Amino acid sequence: AGQYLIDYFGDDEANIVELDGLMTSSCGYDRYLGFSRALEGHDNFSVIHQADCKWLEDAGRSEMESVLSVHDRVDAVFGGNDPTAHGAYMAAAAADRAEDIIFFGIDGLPSEGQAYVRDGVFQMTIYDATGGDIALDNAMKFLAGETVDKVWLKDAIIFEKETLASGGTAVSMP
């Protein structure tokens, strides 16, 4: 998600709202950490607000209402999941400011994130499978006496409007 922003804005300045998932969960913390690390050294990006929205759409909306009341310029909203980012979008739309902001989240489910991309609400969403299937396959191979790699890569899928019909764009990640 952080790399996507870097590619999207390039050297342009951007004010970013980061609405994280449940920070007491490993998944929520890992998404926050990955996003933060990607933006390190990119001084043209300012995270103007960060909040733990606990995966909740209502929390995303409430946080975004607060942001919009004190910030004249918001360029992008990163949601730790799609419902949180959608809540932020609803707040921006109610304030007639959604047109100037790109919204994106993580989960990429057909009924949420992909639908929001299709409808022009989100710029993109990321489907990040848990990798449980790969772990189970490797465990079965190991138990059968086969050699398995200690490190493996899985693909995240980035869904943008142009790539929805083709199943998104796969991006390898550890």
Protein backbone atom coordinates (compact mmCIF):
# COMPACT_ATOMS: atom_id res chain seq x y z
CA ALA A 1 0.00 0.00 0.00
CA GLY A 2 2.84 2.37 0.82
CA GLN A 3 4.64 1.56 -2.41
CA TYR A 4 1.42 2.19 -4.30
CA LEU A 5 1.29 5.74 -2.87
CA ILE A 6 4.93 6.32 -3.76
CA ASP A 7 4.27 5.23 -7.34
CA TYR A 8 1.01 7.20 -7.55
CA PHE A 9 2.28 10.55 -6.22
CA GLY A 10 5.93 10.29 -7.22
CA ASP A 11 7.75 13.37 -5.94
CA ASP A 12 4.54 15.36 -5.37
CA GLU A 13 3.64 16.25 -1.81
CA ALA A 14 0.76 14.32 -0.29
CA ASN A 15 -1.14 14.60 2.98
CA ILE A 16 -2.12 11.12 4.08
CA VAL A 17 -4.67 9.87 6.60
CA GLU A 18 -3.80 6.44 7.98
CA LEU A 19 -6.73 4.57 9.50
CA ASP A 20 -5.30 1.35 10.84
CA GLY A 21 -7.01 -1.88 11.72
CA LEU A 22 -6.97 -3.43 15.17
CA MET A 23 -3.46 -2.57 16.33
CA THR A 24 -3.49 -5.24 19.04
CA SER A 25 -3.76 -7.90 16.32
CA SER A 26 -0.67 -9.11 14.47
CA CYS A 27 -2.38 -8.49 11.14
CA GLY A 28 -3.31 -4.90 12.02
CA TYR A 29 0.16 -4.15 13.34
CA ASP A 30 1.89 -5.76 10.33
CA ARG A 31 -0.18 -3.70 7.88
CA TYR A 32 0.67 -0.52 9.80
CA LEU A 33 4.36 -1.45 9.97
CA GLY A 34 4.62 -2.29 6.27
CA PHE A 35 2.89 0.93 5.28
CA SER A 36 5.08 3.03 7.60
CA ARG A 37 8.31 1.40 6.46
CA ALA A 38 7.47 1.95 2.80
CA LEU A 39 7.06 5.68 3.39
CA GLU A 40 10.33 6.08 5.34
CA GLY A 41 12.65 8.53 3.62
CA HIS A 42 9.90 10.01 1.47
CA ASP A 43 9.74 13.48 2.96
CA ASN A 44 7.10 14.59 0.45
CA PHE A 45 4.54 12.45 2.32
CA SER A 46 3.00 13.67 5.55
CA VAL A 47 0.84 11.38 7.64
CA ILE A 48 -1.40 14.11 9.03
CA HIS A 49 -3.57 11.76 11.08
CA GLN A 50 -3.29 8.18 12.27
CA ALA A 51 -5.85 6.23 14.27
CA ASP A 52 -6.63 2.67 15.30
CA CYS A 53 -10.10 2.10 13.85
CA LYS A 54 -10.31 -1.52 15.02
CA TRP A 55 -11.48 -2.66 11.54
CA LEU A 56 -14.75 -0.69 11.98
CA GLU A 57 -16.44 1.34 9.24
CA ASP A 58 -18.08 3.65 11.78
CA ALA A 59 -14.70 4.38 13.38
CA GLY A 60 -13.24 5.22 9.96
CA ARG A 61 -16.09 7.62 9.32
CA SER A 62 -15.78 9.28 12.72
CA GLU A 63 -12.01 9.70 12.43
CA MET A 64 -12.33 11.16 8.94
CA GLU A 65 -14.99 13.62 10.08
CA SER A 66 -12.49 14.86 12.68
CA VAL A 67 -9.71 15.09 10.11
CA LEU A 68 -11.83 17.06 7.67
CA SER A 69 -12.81 19.53 10.36
CA VAL A 70 -9.18 20.57 10.93
CA HIS A 71 -7.35 19.87 7.64
CA ASP A 72 -8.04 21.76 4.44
CA ARG A 73 -6.02 19.34 2.32
CA VAL A 74 -6.16 15.56 2.36
CA ASP A 75 -4.77 13.71 -0.64
CA ALA A 76 -5.06 10.05 0.31
CA VAL A 77 -6.65 7.75 2.86
CA PHE A 78 -5.15 4.36 3.66
CA GLY A 79 -7.52 2.03 5.45
CA GLY A 80 -6.12 -0.98 7.29
CA ASN A 81 -9.13 -2.76 5.82
CA ASP A 82 -11.77 -1.89 3.26
CA PRO A 83 -14.62 -1.08 5.68
CA THR A 84 -12.46 1.48 7.52
CA ALA A 85 -11.49 3.17 4.26
CA HIS A 86 -15.12 3.11 3.14
CA GLY A 87 -16.20 4.84 6.35
CA ALA A 88 -13.65 7.56 5.61
CA TYR A 89 -15.01 7.88 2.09
CA MET A 90 -18.57 8.28 3.41
CA ALA A 91 -17.42 11.12 5.69
CA ALA A 92 -15.60 12.84 2.83
CA ALA A 93 -18.57 12.40 0.50
CA ALA A 94 -20.92 13.90 3.11
CA ALA A 95 -18.55 16.88 3.38
CA ASP A 96 -18.40 17.15 -0.45
CA ARG A 97 -14.64 16.52 -0.40
CA ALA A 98 -14.32 12.94 -1.69
CA GLU A 99 -13.49 13.97 -5.27
CA ASP A 100 -10.10 15.37 -4.22
CA ILE A 101 -8.98 12.33 -2.20
CA ILE A 102 -7.92 8.84 -3.22
CA PHE A 103 -9.13 6.05 -0.96
CA PHE A 104 -7.78 2.53 -0.71
CA GLY A 105 -7.85 -0.36 1.67
CA ILE A 106 -6.91 -3.96 2.16
CA ASP A 107 -9.05 -7.09 1.94
CA GLY A 108 -10.14 -6.88 -1.69
CA LEU A 109 -13.26 -8.96 -1.20
CA PRO A 110 -15.64 -8.97 -4.17
CA SER A 111 -18.56 -7.57 -2.14
CA GLU A 112 -16.54 -4.78 -0.52
CA GLY A 113 -13.16 -3.59 -1.80
CA GLN A 114 -13.57 -4.78 -5.38
CA ALA A 115 -17.09 -3.32 -5.51
CA TYR A 116 -15.78 0.02 -4.19
CA VAL A 117 -13.09 0.04 -6.90
CA ARG A 118 -15.69 -0.86 -9.57
CA ASP A 119 -17.95 1.97 -8.36
CA GLY A 120 -15.12 4.53 -8.37
CA VAL A 121 -15.13 4.94 -4.59
CA PHE A 122 -11.63 3.43 -4.13
CA GLN A 123 -8.56 3.96 -6.25
CA MET A 124 -7.52 0.41 -5.42
CA THR A 125 -7.73 -2.40 -2.89
CA ILE A 126 -5.33 -5.19 -2.02
CA TYR A 127 -6.29 -8.82 -1.57
CA ASP A 128 -3.73 -10.39 0.73
CA ALA A 129 -4.42 -14.07 1.31
CA THR A 130 -3.36 -15.45 4.67
CA GLY A 131 -1.01 -18.03 3.17
CA GLY A 132 -2.57 -20.75 5.28
CA ASP A 133 -2.99 -22.97 2.22
CA ILE A 134 0.73 -22.72 1.45
CA ALA A 135 1.64 -23.46 5.07
CA LEU A 136 -0.64 -26.50 5.16
CA ASP A 137 0.70 -27.81 1.84
CA ASN A 138 4.27 -27.44 3.11
CA ALA A 139 3.41 -29.12 6.42
CA MET A 140 1.96 -32.10 4.56
CA LYS A 141 5.06 -32.32 2.35
CA PHE A 142 7.31 -32.12 5.41
CA LEU A 143 5.35 -34.87 7.19
CA ALA A 144 5.67 -37.01 4.06
CA GLY A 145 9.46 -36.63 4.25
CA GLU A 146 9.80 -34.12 1.45
CA THR A 147 12.12 -31.12 1.69
CA VAL A 148 10.37 -27.77 1.94
CA ASP A 149 11.75 -24.26 1.65
CA LYS A 150 12.03 -22.31 4.90
CA VAL A 151 11.06 -19.08 3.12
CA TRP A 152 8.29 -18.75 0.57
CA LEU A 153 6.59 -15.95 -1.28
CA LYS A 154 2.91 -15.42 -1.75
CA ASP A 155 1.17 -13.02 -4.07
CA ALA A 156 -0.93 -10.08 -3.01
CA ILE A 157 -3.43 -8.98 -5.63
CA ILE A 158 -3.90 -5.29 -6.38
CA PHE A 159 -7.30 -4.45 -7.82
CA GLU A 160 -7.63 -1.22 -9.76
CA LYS A 161 -10.54 -0.35 -12.05
CA GLU A 162 -8.50 -1.34 -15.12
CA THR A 163 -7.54 -4.74 -13.68
CA LEU A 164 -10.77 -5.92 -12.03
CA ALA A 165 -11.99 -7.89 -15.05
CA SER A 166 -8.66 -9.67 -15.43
CA GLY A 167 -8.41 -10.68 -11.77
CA GLY A 168 -6.10 -7.92 -10.58
CA THR A 169 -2.32 -7.60 -10.65
CA ALA A 170 -0.27 -10.10 -8.66
CA VAL A 171 2.59 -8.67 -6.61
CA SER A 172 4.97 -11.07 -4.86
CA MET A 173 5.60 -10.35 -1.22
CA PRO A 174 7.24 -12.25 1.66
